C-alpha atoms as a PDB file:
ATOM      1  CA  MET A   1      -0.052  -0.023  -0.014  1.00  0.00           C
ATOM      2  CA  ALA A   2       2.873   2.397   0.606  1.00  0.00           C
ATOM      3  CA  GLU A   3       3.666   2.346  -3.183  1.00  0.00           C
ATOM      4  CA  ALA A   4       0.237   3.904  -3.778  1.00  0.00           C
ATOM      5  CA  TRP A   5       1.203   6.903  -1.679  1.00  0.00           C
ATOM      6  CA  LYS A   6       4.875   7.168  -2.861  1.00  0.00           C
ATOM      7  CA  HIS A   7       4.482  10.685  -4.343  1.00  0.00           C
ATOM      8  CA  THR A   8       2.323  12.079  -1.538  1.00  0.00           C
ATOM      9  CA  ALA A   9       3.147  14.283   1.475  1.00  0.00           C
ATOM     10  CA  LEU A  10       1.071  15.452   4.362  1.00  0.00           C
ATOM     11  CA  LEU A  11       1.305  19.068   5.467  1.00  0.00           C
ATOM     12  CA  VAL A  12       0.308  19.883   9.052  1.00  0.00           C
ATOM     13  CA  ILE A  13      -0.073  23.679   9.254  1.00  0.00           C
ATOM     14  CA  ASP A  14       0.234  25.898  12.332  1.00  0.00           C
ATOM     15  CA  MET A  15      -0.980  23.293  14.939  1.00  0.00           C
ATOM     16  CA  GLN A  16       0.937  25.240  17.654  1.00  0.00           C
ATOM     17  CA  LYS A  17      -0.127  26.170  21.063  1.00  0.00           C
ATOM     18  CA  ASP A  18      -0.283  29.952  20.486  1.00  0.00           C
ATOM     19  CA  LEU A  19      -2.488  29.397  17.401  1.00  0.00           C
ATOM     20  CA  ILE A  20      -4.761  26.698  18.885  1.00  0.00           C
ATOM     21  CA  LEU A  21      -5.215  26.976  22.539  1.00  0.00           C
ATOM     22  CA  PRO A  22      -7.842  29.413  23.847  1.00  0.00           C
ATOM     23  CA  TYR A  23      -5.460  31.415  26.079  1.00  0.00           C
ATOM     24  CA  SER A  24      -3.962  33.060  23.069  1.00  0.00           C
ATOM     25  CA  PRO A  25      -5.225  36.231  21.420  1.00  0.00           C
ATOM     26  CA  ALA A  26      -4.282  34.560  18.068  1.00  0.00           C
ATOM     27  CA  SER A  27      -6.016  31.275  18.603  1.00  0.00           C
ATOM     28  CA  VAL A  28      -8.415  29.983  15.962  1.00  0.00           C
ATOM     29  CA  LYS A  29     -11.752  29.264  17.581  1.00  0.00           C
ATOM     30  CA  GLY A  30     -12.307  26.090  15.627  1.00  0.00           C
ATOM     31  CA  GLY A  31      -8.705  24.896  16.156  1.00  0.00           C
ATOM     32  CA  GLU A  32      -8.997  22.769  19.324  1.00  0.00           C
ATOM     33  CA  ALA A  33     -11.920  20.786  17.891  1.00  0.00           C
ATOM     34  CA  ILE A  34      -9.879  19.402  14.954  1.00  0.00           C
ATOM     35  CA  VAL A  35      -6.883  18.230  17.041  1.00  0.00           C
ATOM     36  CA  PRO A  36      -8.091  14.554  17.222  1.00  0.00           C
ATOM     37  CA  ASN A  37      -8.604  14.430  13.453  1.00  0.00           C
ATOM     38  CA  VAL A  38      -5.161  15.978  12.849  1.00  0.00           C
ATOM     39  CA  ILE A  39      -3.615  13.292  15.126  1.00  0.00           C
ATOM     40  CA  LYS A  40      -5.519  10.584  13.034  1.00  0.00           C
ATOM     41  CA  ALA A  41      -4.292  12.108   9.779  1.00  0.00           C
ATOM     42  CA  VAL A  42      -0.636  11.947  11.047  1.00  0.00           C
ATOM     43  CA  GLU A  43      -1.227   8.325  12.290  1.00  0.00           C
ATOM     44  CA  VAL A  44      -2.610   7.273   8.943  1.00  0.00           C
ATOM     45  CA  ALA A  45       0.134   9.022   7.028  1.00  0.00           C
ATOM     46  CA  ARG A  46       2.767   7.220   9.065  1.00  0.00           C
ATOM     47  CA  SER A  47       1.105   3.845   8.412  1.00  0.00           C
ATOM     48  CA  ARG A  48       1.263   4.689   4.669  1.00  0.00           C
ATOM     49  CA  ASP A  49       4.846   5.874   4.772  1.00  0.00           C
ATOM     50  CA  ILE A  50       3.717   9.292   3.661  1.00  0.00           C
ATOM     51  CA  PRO A  51       6.318  11.972   4.533  1.00  0.00           C
ATOM     52  CA  ILE A  52       4.963  14.529   7.125  1.00  0.00           C
ATOM     53  CA  ILE A  53       5.884  18.222   6.853  1.00  0.00           C
ATOM     54  CA  TRP A  54       5.255  20.274  10.031  1.00  0.00           C
ATOM     55  CA  VAL A  55       4.618  23.777   8.712  1.00  0.00           C
ATOM     56  CA  VAL A  56       5.044  26.172  11.590  1.00  0.00           C
ATOM     57  CA  ARG A  57       5.474  29.852  12.383  1.00  0.00           C
ATOM     58  CA  GLU A  58       8.438  30.867  14.332  1.00  0.00           C
ATOM     59  CA  HIS A  59       9.006  34.633  14.749  1.00  0.00           C
ATOM     60  CA  ASP A  60      11.634  36.886  16.123  1.00  0.00           C
ATOM     61  CA  SER A  61      10.843  38.074  19.595  1.00  0.00           C
ATOM     62  CA  LEU A  62      10.687  41.713  18.462  1.00  0.00           C
ATOM     63  CA  GLY A  63       8.315  40.853  15.687  1.00  0.00           C
ATOM     64  CA  ARG A  64      10.655  42.105  12.969  1.00  0.00           C
ATOM     65  CA  ASP A  65       9.712  39.258  10.571  1.00  0.00           C
ATOM     66  CA  VAL A  66       5.910  39.354  11.277  1.00  0.00           C
ATOM     67  CA  GLU A  67       3.287  40.891   9.004  1.00  0.00           C
ATOM     68  CA  LEU A  68       2.558  44.578   9.618  1.00  0.00           C
ATOM     69  CA  PHE A  69      -0.956  43.911  10.811  1.00  0.00           C
ATOM     70  CA  ARG A  70       0.328  41.498  13.590  1.00  0.00           C
ATOM     71  CA  ARG A  71       3.179  43.745  14.940  1.00  0.00           C
ATOM     72  CA  HIS A  72       0.983  45.115  17.788  1.00  0.00           C
ATOM     73  CA  PHE A  73       1.359  41.630  19.338  1.00  0.00           C
ATOM     74  CA  TYR A  74       5.111  42.234  19.787  1.00  0.00           C
ATOM     75  CA  THR A  75       5.025  45.544  21.713  1.00  0.00           C
ATOM     76  CA  ALA A  76       6.728  45.652  25.022  1.00  0.00           C
ATOM     77  CA  ASP A  77       3.543  45.207  27.037  1.00  0.00           C
ATOM     78  CA  LYS A  78       2.176  42.169  25.037  1.00  0.00           C
ATOM     79  CA  THR A  79       2.843  38.430  25.199  1.00  0.00           C
ATOM     80  CA  LYS A  80       4.788  37.617  22.119  1.00  0.00           C
ATOM     81  CA  LEU A  81       3.194  34.980  19.837  1.00  0.00           C
ATOM     82  CA  VAL A  82       4.937  31.861  18.344  1.00  0.00           C
ATOM     83  CA  VAL A  83       8.369  33.135  19.116  1.00  0.00           C
ATOM     84  CA  LYS A  84      11.180  30.668  18.175  1.00  0.00           C
ATOM     85  CA  GLY A  85      11.968  28.437  21.185  1.00  0.00           C
ATOM     86  CA  SER A  86       8.945  29.557  23.247  1.00  0.00           C
ATOM     87  CA  PRO A  87       6.288  27.111  24.633  1.00  0.00           C
ATOM     88  CA  GLY A  88       3.707  28.761  22.506  1.00  0.00           C
ATOM     89  CA  ALA A  89       5.553  27.796  19.296  1.00  0.00           C
ATOM     90  CA  GLU A  90       5.395  24.061  20.250  1.00  0.00           C
ATOM     91  CA  LEU A  91       2.935  21.610  18.664  1.00  0.00           C
ATOM     92  CA  VAL A  92      -0.197  21.072  20.658  1.00  0.00           C
ATOM     93  CA  GLU A  93      -0.368  17.972  22.867  1.00  0.00           C
ATOM     94  CA  GLY A  94      -0.953  14.786  20.894  1.00  0.00           C
ATOM     95  CA  LEU A  95       1.150  15.861  17.931  1.00  0.00           C
ATOM     96  CA  GLU A  96       4.812  15.028  17.876  1.00  0.00           C
ATOM     97  CA  SER A  97       7.446  15.391  15.225  1.00  0.00           C
ATOM     98  CA  LYS A  98       9.650  12.370  14.555  1.00  0.00           C
ATOM     99  CA  PRO A  99      13.288  12.532  13.454  1.00  0.00           C
ATOM    100  CA  HIS A 100      12.499  11.583   9.865  1.00  0.00           C
ATOM    101  CA  ASP A 101       9.784  14.297   9.504  1.00  0.00           C
ATOM    102  CA  TYR A 102      10.501  17.596   7.913  1.00  0.00           C
ATOM    103  CA  LYS A 103       9.938  20.952   9.766  1.00  0.00           C
ATOM    104  CA  LEU A 104       9.254  24.006   7.535  1.00  0.00           C
ATOM    105  CA  ILE A 105       9.270  27.403   9.078  1.00  0.00           C
ATOM    106  CA  LYS A 106       7.254  30.219   7.524  1.00  0.00           C
ATOM    107  CA  THR A 107       6.522  33.839   8.463  1.00  0.00           C
ATOM    108  CA  ARG A 108       3.514  34.406   6.116  1.00  0.00           C
ATOM    109  CA  PHE A 109       0.246  32.732   5.308  1.00  0.00           C
ATOM    110  CA  SER A 110       1.483  30.477   2.456  1.00  0.00           C
ATOM    111  CA  ALA A 111       3.915  27.589   3.147  1.00  0.00           C
ATOM    112  CA  PHE A 112       5.350  28.249  -0.240  1.00  0.00           C
ATOM    113  CA  LEU A 113       6.180  32.029   0.124  1.00  0.00           C
ATOM    114  CA  ASN A 114       9.841  32.682   0.794  1.00  0.00           C
ATOM    115  CA  THR A 115      10.431  29.046   1.843  1.00  0.00           C
ATOM    116  CA  ASN A 116      12.132  25.985   0.253  1.00  0.00           C
ATOM    117  CA  LEU A 117       8.868  23.834   0.303  1.00  0.00           C
ATOM    118  CA  HIS A 118       8.589  23.658  -3.510  1.00  0.00           C
ATOM    119  CA  SER A 119      12.220  22.616  -3.931  1.00  0.00           C
ATOM    120  CA  TYR A 120      11.926  20.131  -1.064  1.00  0.00           C
ATOM    121  CA  LEU A 121       8.922  18.566  -2.602  1.00  0.00           C
ATOM    122  CA  GLN A 122      10.456  18.368  -6.111  1.00  0.00           C
ATOM    123  CA  GLY A 123      13.606  16.807  -4.641  1.00  0.00           C
ATOM    124  CA  ALA A 124      11.537  14.213  -2.756  1.00  0.00           C
ATOM    125  CA  GLY A 125       9.482  13.357  -5.881  1.00  0.00           C
ATOM    126  CA  ILE A 126       6.228  14.542  -4.337  1.00  0.00           C
ATOM    127  CA  SER A 127       3.515  15.600  -6.776  1.00  0.00           C
ATOM    128  CA  LYS A 128       0.488  15.349  -4.391  1.00  0.00           C
ATOM    129  CA  ILE A 129      -0.025  17.170  -1.074  1.00  0.00           C
ATOM    130  CA  VAL A 130      -2.634  16.460   1.653  1.00  0.00           C
ATOM    131  CA  VAL A 131      -3.311  19.524   3.931  1.00  0.00           C
ATOM    132  CA  SER A 132      -4.507  19.770   7.490  1.00  0.00           C
ATOM    133  CA  GLY A 133      -4.332  22.386  10.134  1.00  0.00           C
ATOM    134  CA  VAL A 134      -5.425  25.990  10.511  1.00  0.00           C
ATOM    135  CA  GLN A 135      -6.768  28.317   9.488  1.00  0.00           C
ATOM    136  CA  THR A 136      -8.914  27.656   6.294  1.00  0.00           C
ATOM    137  CA  PRO A 137      -9.153  31.275   4.892  1.00  0.00           C
ATOM    138  CA  ASN A 138      -5.568  32.187   5.570  1.00  0.00           C
ATOM    139  CA  CYS A 139      -2.712  29.723   5.727  1.00  0.00           C
ATOM    140  CA  ILE A 140      -4.636  26.656   4.392  1.00  0.00           C
ATOM    141  CA  ARG A 141      -6.189  28.532   1.421  1.00  0.00           C
ATOM    142  CA  GLN A 142      -3.113  30.361   0.399  1.00  0.00           C
ATOM    143  CA  THR A 143      -0.898  27.330   0.560  1.00  0.00           C
ATOM    144  CA  VAL A 144      -3.469  25.341  -1.386  1.00  0.00           C
ATOM    145  CA  PHE A 145      -3.830  28.027  -4.065  1.00  0.00           C
ATOM    146  CA  ASP A 146      -0.046  28.291  -4.425  1.00  0.00           C
ATOM    147  CA  ALA A 147       0.223  24.466  -4.565  1.00  0.00           C
ATOM    148  CA  VAL A 148      -2.449  24.328  -7.370  1.00  0.00           C
ATOM    149  CA  SER A 149      -0.702  27.034  -9.322  1.00  0.00           C
ATOM    150  CA  LEU A 150       2.561  24.913  -9.071  1.00  0.00           C
ATOM    151  CA  ASP A 151       0.581  21.971 -10.495  1.00  0.00           C
ATOM    152  CA  TYR A 152       0.434  19.784  -7.391  1.00  0.00           C
ATOM    153  CA  GLU A 153      -2.558  17.604  -6.846  1.00  0.00           C
ATOM    154  CA  VAL A 154      -4.109  18.794  -3.631  1.00  0.00           C
ATOM    155  CA  THR A 155      -6.275  17.282  -1.053  1.00  0.00           C
ATOM    156  CA  VAL A 156      -7.679  19.190   1.991  1.00  0.00           C
ATOM    157  CA  ILE A 157      -9.086  16.956   4.861  1.00  0.00           C
ATOM    158  CA  VAL A 158     -12.140  19.059   5.574  1.00  0.00           C
ATOM    159  CA  ASP A 159     -12.624  18.028   9.234  1.00  0.00           C
ATOM    160  CA  ALA A 160      -8.871  18.229   9.972  1.00  0.00           C
ATOM    161  CA  THR A 161      -8.797  21.847   8.992  1.00  0.00           C
ATOM    162  CA  ALA A 162     -10.690  24.761  10.678  1.00  0.00           C
ATOM    163  CA  ALA A 163     -11.567  28.423  10.755  1.00  0.00           C
ATOM    164  CA  ALA A 164     -13.104  30.697  13.320  1.00  0.00           C
ATOM    165  CA  THR A 165     -16.627  29.696  12.193  1.00  0.00           C
ATOM    166  CA  SER A 166     -18.024  26.887  10.142  1.00  0.00           C
ATOM    167  CA  GLU A 167     -19.444  29.386   7.704  1.00  0.00           C
ATOM    168  CA  ILE A 168     -15.958  30.766   6.925  1.00  0.00           C
ATOM    169  CA  HIS A 169     -14.567  27.326   6.752  1.00  0.00           C
ATOM    170  CA  ASN A 170     -17.210  25.931   4.430  1.00  0.00           C
ATOM    171  CA  ALA A 171     -17.167  28.990   2.116  1.00  0.00           C
ATOM    172  CA  ASN A 172     -13.339  28.589   1.705  1.00  0.00           C
ATOM    173  CA  VAL A 173     -13.670  24.780   1.165  1.00  0.00           C
ATOM    174  CA  LEU A 174     -16.132  25.481  -1.631  1.00  0.00           C
ATOM    175  CA  ASP A 175     -13.684  27.835  -3.208  1.00  0.00           C
ATOM    176  CA  MET A 176     -10.908  25.220  -3.125  1.00  0.00           C
ATOM    177  CA  LYS A 177     -13.232  22.522  -4.476  1.00  0.00           C
ATOM    178  CA  ASN A 178     -13.936  24.893  -7.476  1.00  0.00           C
ATOM    179  CA  ILE A 179     -10.367  24.785  -8.493  1.00  0.00           C
ATOM    180  CA  GLY A 180     -10.092  21.085  -8.349  1.00  0.00           C
ATOM    181  CA  VAL A 181      -8.997  20.358  -4.753  1.00  0.00           C
ATOM    182  CA  ALA A 182     -10.183  17.078  -3.262  1.00  0.00           C
ATOM    183  CA  THR A 183     -12.012  17.566   0.026  1.00  0.00           C
ATOM    184  CA  PRO A 184     -12.545  14.203   1.851  1.00  0.00           C
ATOM    185  CA  THR A 185     -13.342  13.860   5.566  1.00  0.00           C
ATOM    186  CA  ILE A 186     -10.815  12.089   7.684  1.00  0.00           C
ATOM    187  CA  GLU A 187     -12.908   8.889   7.626  1.00  0.00           C
ATOM    188  CA  GLU A 188     -13.060   9.085   3.841  1.00  0.00           C
ATOM    189  CA  TRP A 189      -9.297   9.699   3.487  1.00  0.00           C
ATOM    190  CA  CYS A 190      -8.564   6.803   5.808  1.00  0.00           C
ATOM    191  CA  HIS A 191     -10.245   4.374   3.313  1.00  0.00           C
ATOM    192  CA  ILE A 192      -9.120   5.847   0.012  1.00  0.00           C
ATOM    193  CA  ASN A 193      -7.936   3.094  -2.398  1.00  0.00           C
ATOM    194  CA  ASN A 194      -9.826   0.516  -0.323  1.00  0.00           C
ATOM    195  CA  TYR A 195      -7.297   1.115   2.399  1.00  0.00           C
ATOM    196  CA  TYR A 196      -8.229  -0.310   5.816  1.00  0.00           C
ATOM    197  CA  THR A 197      -6.289   0.346   8.917  1.00  0.00           C
ATOM    198  CA  THR A 198      -6.373  -1.014  12.396  1.00  0.00           C
ATOM    199  CA  LEU A 199      -6.155   2.640  13.578  1.00  0.00           C
ATOM    200  CA  SER A 200      -9.450   4.128  14.701  1.00  0.00           C
ATOM    201  CA  CYS A 201     -10.730   6.460  12.062  1.00  0.00           C
ATOM    202  CA  SER A 202     -14.189   6.960  13.422  1.00  0.00           C
END
């Protein structure tokens, strides 16, 4: 079965404490709810020998590499968000990077902008990407649209991605479907190609 997934990679985007957990001013309201499904997606990817790419934000403590609209989070009286080496930049509980996984650091919405993601995927012979994480209208959408522009076949696991509201999420999923992106649920993705796993996908 691993041969069927030879040219596929799983991207797990921004599943970090400062972006998921409710204590943070930058948390995505729907983020905590999808953690179990993102965990399942990672488990299934490992069982299929699909490479896992942890796409994360890691910023300078002074916010010098962050978008202009977010720089107010980095003033002296604020708690800095997803600063490199800080607890808030860590993956949420239940998600763990393994030594053979790939960590990609970005400072903007798209995982392709000013990163080596495209060259990494090309070098690994990857032509299909599966996307999970947060949030749908920003980092998910821009990464997906860039991937489609670069001629990757793209799948977004719809219940392993999230936005602030279901309305925002669903509207952006529809836009991605309209450009040819596959949008299975985690249950459907578990059983693609008649794949059955002893892992619990329900």
